[in-house]
Protein backbone atom coordinates (compact mmCIF):
# COMPACT_ATOMS: atom_id res chain seq x y z
CA ALA A 1 -30.61 -7.24 9.65
CA VAL A 2 -29.60 -4.98 6.91
CA GLY A 3 -28.37 -2.49 9.38
CA VAL A 4 -26.04 -4.83 11.10
CA TRP A 5 -24.71 -6.15 7.42
CA ALA A 6 -24.41 -2.66 6.16
CA SER A 7 -22.29 -1.58 9.24
CA LEU A 8 -20.20 -4.75 8.98
CA VAL A 9 -19.47 -4.20 5.41
CA LEU A 10 -18.57 -0.47 5.94
CA LEU A 11 -16.34 -1.52 8.78
CA VAL A 12 -14.39 -4.20 6.49
CA ALA A 13 -14.28 -1.61 3.69
CA ARG A 14 -12.79 0.89 5.81
CA LEU A 15 -10.20 -1.65 7.05
CA VAL A 16 -9.20 -2.53 3.50
CA GLN A 17 -9.05 1.09 2.41
CA GLY A 18 -6.73 1.80 5.41
CA LEU A 19 -4.43 -1.22 4.68
CA ALA A 20 -4.27 -0.12 0.85
CA HIS A 21 -3.52 3.40 1.83
CA GLY A 22 -0.92 2.22 4.09
CA GLY A 23 0.67 0.33 1.36
CA GLU A 24 0.46 3.13 -1.31
CA LEU A 25 1.79 5.95 0.73
CA PRO A 26 5.16 4.84 1.20
CA SER A 27 5.56 3.44 -2.44
CA SER A 28 4.15 6.98 -3.95
CA GLN A 29 6.58 8.66 -1.72
CA THR A 30 9.47 6.70 -2.89
CA TYR A 31 8.13 6.96 -6.72
CA LEU A 32 7.75 10.74 -6.56
CA SER A 33 11.27 11.16 -4.80
CA GLU A 34 12.72 8.98 -7.57
CA ILE A 35 11.06 10.87 -10.52
CA ALA A 36 11.36 14.41 -9.19
CA PRO A 37 14.21 16.62 -10.35
CA LYS A 38 16.99 16.78 -7.66
CA GLU A 39 16.37 20.54 -6.87
CA HIS A 40 12.57 19.87 -6.10
CA ARG A 41 12.17 16.48 -4.58
CA GLY A 42 11.06 17.96 -1.41
CA TYR A 43 8.44 19.81 -2.91
CA TRP A 44 7.04 16.82 -5.00
CA ALA A 45 6.98 14.56 -1.89
CA THR A 46 5.03 17.07 -0.03
CA LEU A 47 2.27 17.02 -2.94
CA ILE A 48 1.17 13.66 -1.46
CA TYR A 49 0.50 15.05 2.14
CA THR A 50 -0.89 18.28 0.56
CA SER A 51 -3.23 16.51 -1.75
CA GLY A 52 -4.68 14.41 0.93
CA THR A 53 -5.59 17.85 2.99
CA VAL A 54 -7.04 19.08 -0.29
CA GLY A 55 -9.11 15.90 -0.46
CA ILE A 56 -10.38 16.38 2.82
CA LEU A 57 -11.39 19.98 2.13
CA PHE A 58 -13.10 18.85 -1.00
CA GLY A 59 -15.27 16.22 0.65
CA THR A 60 -16.37 18.61 3.39
CA LEU A 61 -17.09 21.52 0.87
CA LEU A 62 -18.98 18.79 -1.20
CA GLY A 63 -21.06 17.65 2.04
CA ALA A 64 -21.89 21.08 2.71
CA VAL A 65 -23.04 21.91 -0.93
CA LEU A 66 -25.23 18.81 -1.27
CA ASN A 67 -26.71 19.65 2.29
CA MET A 68 -27.65 23.10 1.09
CA ALA A 69 -28.65 22.10 -2.39
CA LEU A 70 -30.81 18.92 -1.63
CA SER A 71 -33.72 18.60 0.77
CA PRO A 72 -33.49 16.08 4.03
CA GLU A 73 -35.43 13.67 2.37
CA VAL A 74 -33.68 13.62 -1.04
CA MET A 75 -30.49 13.65 0.93
CA ASN A 76 -31.45 10.57 3.06
CA ALA A 77 -33.19 8.79 -0.01
CA TRP A 78 -30.05 9.27 -2.70
CA GLY A 79 -28.33 12.09 -2.14
CA TRP A 80 -25.99 10.41 0.27
CA ARG A 81 -24.49 8.35 -2.70
CA ILE A 82 -23.19 11.08 -4.55
CA PRO A 83 -19.78 11.49 -2.69
CA PHE A 84 -19.50 7.89 -2.99
CA LEU A 85 -20.09 7.71 -6.73
CA ILE A 86 -17.42 10.69 -7.10
CA GLY A 87 -15.14 9.01 -4.89
CA ALA A 88 -15.52 5.52 -7.07
CA ALA A 89 -15.03 7.49 -10.21
CA MET A 90 -11.81 9.33 -8.96
CA GLY A 91 -10.43 5.88 -7.69
CA LEU A 92 -10.95 4.27 -11.10
CA TYR A 93 -9.18 7.27 -12.72
CA ALA A 94 -6.48 6.71 -9.98
CA LEU A 95 -6.28 3.01 -10.76
CA ILE A 96 -5.81 3.56 -14.73
CA MET A 97 -3.36 6.36 -14.17
CA ARG A 98 -1.44 4.23 -11.93
CA SER A 99 -1.46 1.29 -14.24
CA ARG A 100 -0.05 3.54 -16.97
CA LEU A 101 2.97 4.70 -14.91
CA HIS A 102 6.64 3.56 -16.19
CA GLU A 103 9.20 2.60 -13.61
CA SER A 104 11.47 5.32 -12.41
CA ASP A 105 15.17 5.46 -14.09
CA VAL A 106 16.40 4.72 -10.27
CA PHE A 107 14.33 1.68 -10.01
CA GLU A 108 15.44 0.28 -13.77
CA GLY A 109 18.97 1.12 -12.83
CA GLU A 110 18.84 -1.03 -9.67
CA SER A 111 16.86 -3.92 -11.35
CA LEU A 112 19.79 -3.89 -13.96
CA ARG A 113 22.24 -3.98 -11.47
CA ARG A 114 20.65 -6.81 -9.44
CA ASN A 115 20.04 -8.73 -12.47
CA ALA A 116 23.55 -8.57 -13.68
CA SER A 117 24.54 -9.72 -10.15
CA ARG A 118 22.48 -12.80 -10.27
CA SER A 119 23.35 -13.72 -13.73
CA GLY A 120 27.22 -13.46 -12.73
CA ARG A 121 26.77 -15.59 -9.73
CA ARG A 122 25.07 -18.25 -11.79
CA SER A 123 27.39 -18.26 -14.65
CA SER A 124 30.30 -18.71 -12.37
CA GLY A 125 28.97 -21.92 -10.72
CA THR A 126 27.92 -20.40 -7.24
CA ALA A 127 24.62 -20.79 -5.87
CA SER A 128 21.93 -18.18 -6.92
CA ARG A 129 20.44 -18.13 -3.40
CA PRO A 130 22.21 -17.63 -0.04
CA SER A 131 22.72 -20.59 2.23
CA ARG A 132 20.24 -20.65 5.21
CA SER A 133 22.95 -20.05 7.49
CA SER A 134 23.94 -16.66 5.67
CA ALA A 135 20.35 -15.68 4.46
CA SER A 136 19.63 -14.18 8.12
CA PRO A 137 21.90 -13.68 11.16
CA TRP A 138 18.90 -15.05 13.04
CA ALA A 139 18.54 -18.39 11.07
CA SER A 140 20.50 -20.85 13.34
CA GLN A 141 19.25 -19.09 16.54
CA SER A 142 15.49 -19.39 15.12
CA SER A 143 15.97 -22.88 14.39
CA THR A 144 17.50 -23.65 17.59
CA THR A 145 14.98 -21.63 19.70
CA SER A 146 12.10 -23.61 17.43
CA GLY A 147 13.91 -26.82 18.47
CA ALA A 148 14.07 -26.03 22.11
CA TRP A 149 10.30 -25.13 22.03
CA TRP A 150 9.66 -28.56 20.31
CA LEU A 151 11.77 -30.39 23.10
CA ARG A 152 9.62 -28.61 25.88
CA VAL A 153 6.23 -29.64 24.37
CA THR A 154 7.03 -33.41 23.57
CA PRO A 155 7.22 -35.87 25.92
CA PRO A 156 10.28 -38.03 25.77
CA ARG A 157 9.59 -41.30 23.87
CA ARG A 158 10.42 -44.75 25.54
């Protein structure tokens, strides 16, 4: 029973890790591109992919060293946990480092511009949110489509 649950937990953990990576990669790419000096943007942006490759190489090397240094019995008993502990420590470090980052100047400038634009609309008496019809070019189409669907699934009343 433990084997099935362990496999399920590992599967869910890997899915969460993949989703987190998918969300982190574009934002870190954007952040690095925004803070990099203009003449080095391409180089800084490639560091994300290079660091991923270095991580794969480090993991492979760590596995090889552990397999050479520890006996198969020790490796099966507790040695397999060492890479996970190192990964957890590195993840904690990354979380702390990430939480201490400052917004880029590009992001701050865009935020100020948007806030000024919003406050200007409010003070002039216009609505701060666009109307439903102007919010999306498909707004009227989607309401018509959903209305047509509703007419098809509900019988007429007598």
